[in-house]
Every structure is written in structure tokens, then in C-alpha cells.
Amino acid sequence: MEAREIKISETVPASKKLQAKDAADLLKVATKLIAMKGKRVTEYDTSKNLPSEAIESMLGPTGNLRAPTIRIGKTYLVGFNEEVFEKAFG
């Protein structure tokens, strides 16, 4: 983030365990979720209804919110994929 001079408005420490309810709360204001696990990228339209798979894709094996989780406008990016980050942050 620093290399691209992206301003971080809020950082949540890893010691604060965010789980499924927290993920659902985050998506209440979102219209799109892009969940990334390596090369696998899945996009969800969260503007009308919230598929359970969307919340599941935001959680790691321990049931906690995966990192990084980034909000850009009304879109959430969860996880990391170089191509998606390149498009988002150019």
C-alpha cells in the first residue's frame, strides 16, 4: 500500500477477531465483493441479497475475517491477487 501511496483510513489489529457476523455487517453498505484466494477470484453482487457463499468466502479456516480486507467505495476486496490489485490500484 505504501509503495502505491494509498491512504489507509482505518487499520484493525489482528488480535480483534472479526467473524461471520462482522463480515455480514461490513457487506451491508457494499454493492460488490471480490474474494480472492491465490489465482481464484470470485465476484459477488451484494446490492440486492447477500449469498451465504459471499460471507464464507471472506472467512479463513479459523472462521475469522481474512486479510487483507479493503473497502474501496462500495466494493470490498478480501484476500490477495496481484492482477485484481493492479486493476484496483493501478
C-alpha atoms as a PDB file:
ATOM      1  CA  MET A   1       0.000   0.000   0.000  1.00  0.00           C
ATOM      2  CA  GLU A   2       2.798   2.388   0.862  1.00  0.00           C
ATOM      3  CA  ALA A   3       4.524   1.803  -2.476  1.00  0.00           C
ATOM      4  CA  ARG A   4       1.384   2.968  -4.287  1.00  0.00           C
ATOM      5  CA  GLU A   5       0.809   5.845  -1.851  1.00  0.00           C
ATOM      6  CA  ILE A   6      -2.613   4.524  -0.842  1.00  0.00           C
ATOM      7  CA  LYS A   7      -4.082   6.245   2.199  1.00  0.00           C
ATOM      8  CA  ILE A   8      -5.271   3.785   4.835  1.00  0.00           C
ATOM      9  CA  SER A   9      -8.167   5.284   6.778  1.00  0.00           C
ATOM     10  CA  GLU A  10      -8.571   2.509   9.363  1.00  0.00           C
ATOM     11  CA  THR A  11      -6.472  -0.415  10.497  1.00  0.00           C
ATOM     12  CA  VAL A  12      -7.896  -3.182  12.673  1.00  0.00           C
ATOM     13  CA  PRO A  13      -5.358  -5.235  14.651  1.00  0.00           C
ATOM     14  CA  ALA A  14      -5.291  -8.980  14.062  1.00  0.00           C
ATOM     15  CA  SER A  15      -5.981  -9.505  17.762  1.00  0.00           C
ATOM     16  CA  LYS A  16      -9.535  -8.264  17.140  1.00  0.00           C
ATOM     17  CA  LYS A  17     -11.170 -11.393  15.760  1.00  0.00           C
ATOM     18  CA  LEU A  18     -13.830 -10.474  13.197  1.00  0.00           C
ATOM     19  CA  GLN A  19     -16.135 -13.355  12.306  1.00  0.00           C
ATOM     20  CA  ALA A  20     -19.171 -14.138  10.104  1.00  0.00           C
ATOM     21  CA  LYS A  21     -21.499 -11.610  11.752  1.00  0.00           C
ATOM     22  CA  ASP A  22     -18.863  -8.894  11.372  1.00  0.00           C
ATOM     23  CA  ALA A  23     -18.362  -9.820   7.704  1.00  0.00           C
ATOM     24  CA  ALA A  24     -22.124  -9.607   7.100  1.00  0.00           C
ATOM     25  CA  ASP A  25     -22.196  -6.194   8.795  1.00  0.00           C
ATOM     26  CA  LEU A  26     -19.411  -4.937   6.531  1.00  0.00           C
ATOM     27  CA  LEU A  27     -21.333  -6.018   3.441  1.00  0.00           C
ATOM     28  CA  LYS A  28     -24.486  -4.118   4.445  1.00  0.00           C
ATOM     29  CA  VAL A  29     -23.056  -0.983   2.817  1.00  0.00           C
ATOM     30  CA  ALA A  30     -21.364  -2.791  -0.077  1.00  0.00           C
ATOM     31  CA  THR A  31     -22.647  -3.438  -3.570  1.00  0.00           C
ATOM     32  CA  LYS A  32     -19.804  -5.722  -4.642  1.00  0.00           C
ATOM     33  CA  LEU A  33     -17.432  -8.210  -3.040  1.00  0.00           C
ATOM     34  CA  ILE A  34     -14.320  -9.549  -4.722  1.00  0.00           C
ATOM     35  CA  ALA A  35     -12.973 -12.553  -2.819  1.00  0.00           C
ATOM     36  CA  MET A  36      -9.505 -13.781  -3.765  1.00  0.00           C
ATOM     37  CA  LYS A  37      -7.636 -16.936  -2.829  1.00  0.00           C
ATOM     38  CA  GLY A  38      -4.495 -17.204  -4.913  1.00  0.00           C
ATOM     39  CA  LYS A  39      -5.495 -17.284  -8.573  1.00  0.00           C
ATOM     40  CA  ARG A  40      -9.169 -17.935  -7.780  1.00  0.00           C
ATOM     41  CA  VAL A  41     -11.202 -14.725  -7.878  1.00  0.00           C
ATOM     42  CA  THR A  42     -14.944 -14.701  -7.179  1.00  0.00           C
ATOM     43  CA  GLU A  43     -17.158 -11.640  -7.512  1.00  0.00           C
ATOM     44  CA  TYR A  44     -20.484 -11.249  -5.718  1.00  0.00           C
ATOM     45  CA  ASP A  45     -23.215  -8.673  -6.263  1.00  0.00           C
ATOM     46  CA  THR A  46     -24.214  -7.795  -2.716  1.00  0.00           C
ATOM     47  CA  SER A  47     -26.550  -4.927  -3.598  1.00  0.00           C
ATOM     48  CA  LYS A  48     -29.788  -6.961  -3.556  1.00  0.00           C
ATOM     49  CA  ASN A  49     -29.241 -10.021  -1.398  1.00  0.00           C
ATOM     50  CA  LEU A  50     -26.316 -11.487   0.434  1.00  0.00           C
ATOM     51  CA  PRO A  51     -25.429 -15.028  -0.646  1.00  0.00           C
ATOM     52  CA  SER A  52     -24.104 -17.180   2.196  1.00  0.00           C
ATOM     53  CA  GLU A  53     -21.162 -18.103  -0.052  1.00  0.00           C
ATOM     54  CA  ALA A  54     -20.128 -14.431  -0.036  1.00  0.00           C
ATOM     55  CA  ILE A  55     -19.690 -14.405   3.720  1.00  0.00           C
ATOM     56  CA  GLU A  56     -17.986 -17.811   3.682  1.00  0.00           C
ATOM     57  CA  SER A  57     -15.504 -16.536   1.075  1.00  0.00           C
ATOM     58  CA  MET A  58     -14.487 -13.734   3.455  1.00  0.00           C
ATOM     59  CA  LEU A  59     -13.533 -16.126   6.255  1.00  0.00           C
ATOM     60  CA  GLY A  60     -10.377 -18.133   6.715  1.00  0.00           C
ATOM     61  CA  PRO A  61     -10.091 -21.677   8.108  1.00  0.00           C
ATOM     62  CA  THR A  62     -10.330 -20.394  11.695  1.00  0.00           C
ATOM     63  CA  GLY A  63     -13.624 -18.624  10.962  1.00  0.00           C
ATOM     64  CA  ASN A  64     -12.070 -15.172  11.192  1.00  0.00           C
ATOM     65  CA  LEU A  65     -12.108 -12.449   8.540  1.00  0.00           C
ATOM     66  CA  ARG A  66      -9.290 -12.968   6.032  1.00  0.00           C
ATOM     67  CA  ALA A  67      -6.615 -10.360   5.450  1.00  0.00           C
ATOM     68  CA  PRO A  68      -6.265  -8.089   3.762  1.00  0.00           C
ATOM     69  CA  THR A  69      -9.818  -6.775   3.691  1.00  0.00           C
ATOM     70  CA  ILE A  70     -10.040  -3.488   1.830  1.00  0.00           C
ATOM     71  CA  ARG A  71     -13.001  -1.231   1.097  1.00  0.00           C
ATOM     72  CA  ILE A  72     -12.882   0.943  -1.997  1.00  0.00           C
ATOM     73  CA  GLY A  73     -16.093   2.922  -2.221  1.00  0.00           C
ATOM     74  CA  LYS A  74     -18.855   0.297  -2.067  1.00  0.00           C
ATOM     75  CA  THR A  75     -16.601  -2.596  -3.089  1.00  0.00           C
ATOM     76  CA  TYR A  76     -14.789  -4.922  -0.689  1.00  0.00           C
ATOM     77  CA  LEU A  77     -11.631  -6.773  -1.678  1.00  0.00           C
ATOM     78  CA  VAL A  78     -10.842  -9.759   0.551  1.00  0.00           C
ATOM     79  CA  GLY A  79      -7.635 -11.718   0.164  1.00  0.00           C
ATOM     80  CA  PHE A  80      -4.913 -11.046  -2.366  1.00  0.00           C
ATOM     81  CA  ASN A  81      -4.494 -11.467  -6.110  1.00  0.00           C
ATOM     82  CA  GLU A  82      -1.850  -9.430  -7.940  1.00  0.00           C
ATOM     83  CA  GLU A  83      -3.982  -8.871 -11.069  1.00  0.00           C
ATOM     84  CA  VAL A  84      -7.010  -7.653  -9.118  1.00  0.00           C
ATOM     85  CA  PHE A  85      -4.868  -5.318  -7.015  1.00  0.00           C
ATOM     86  CA  GLU A  86      -3.212  -3.965 -10.166  1.00  0.00           C
ATOM     87  CA  LYS A  87      -6.655  -3.130 -11.627  1.00  0.00           C
ATOM     88  CA  ALA A  88      -7.908  -1.632  -8.379  1.00  0.00           C
ATOM     89  CA  PHE A  89      -4.831   0.433  -7.539  1.00  0.00           C
ATOM     90  CA  GLY A  90      -3.178   0.752 -10.975  1.00  0.00           C
END
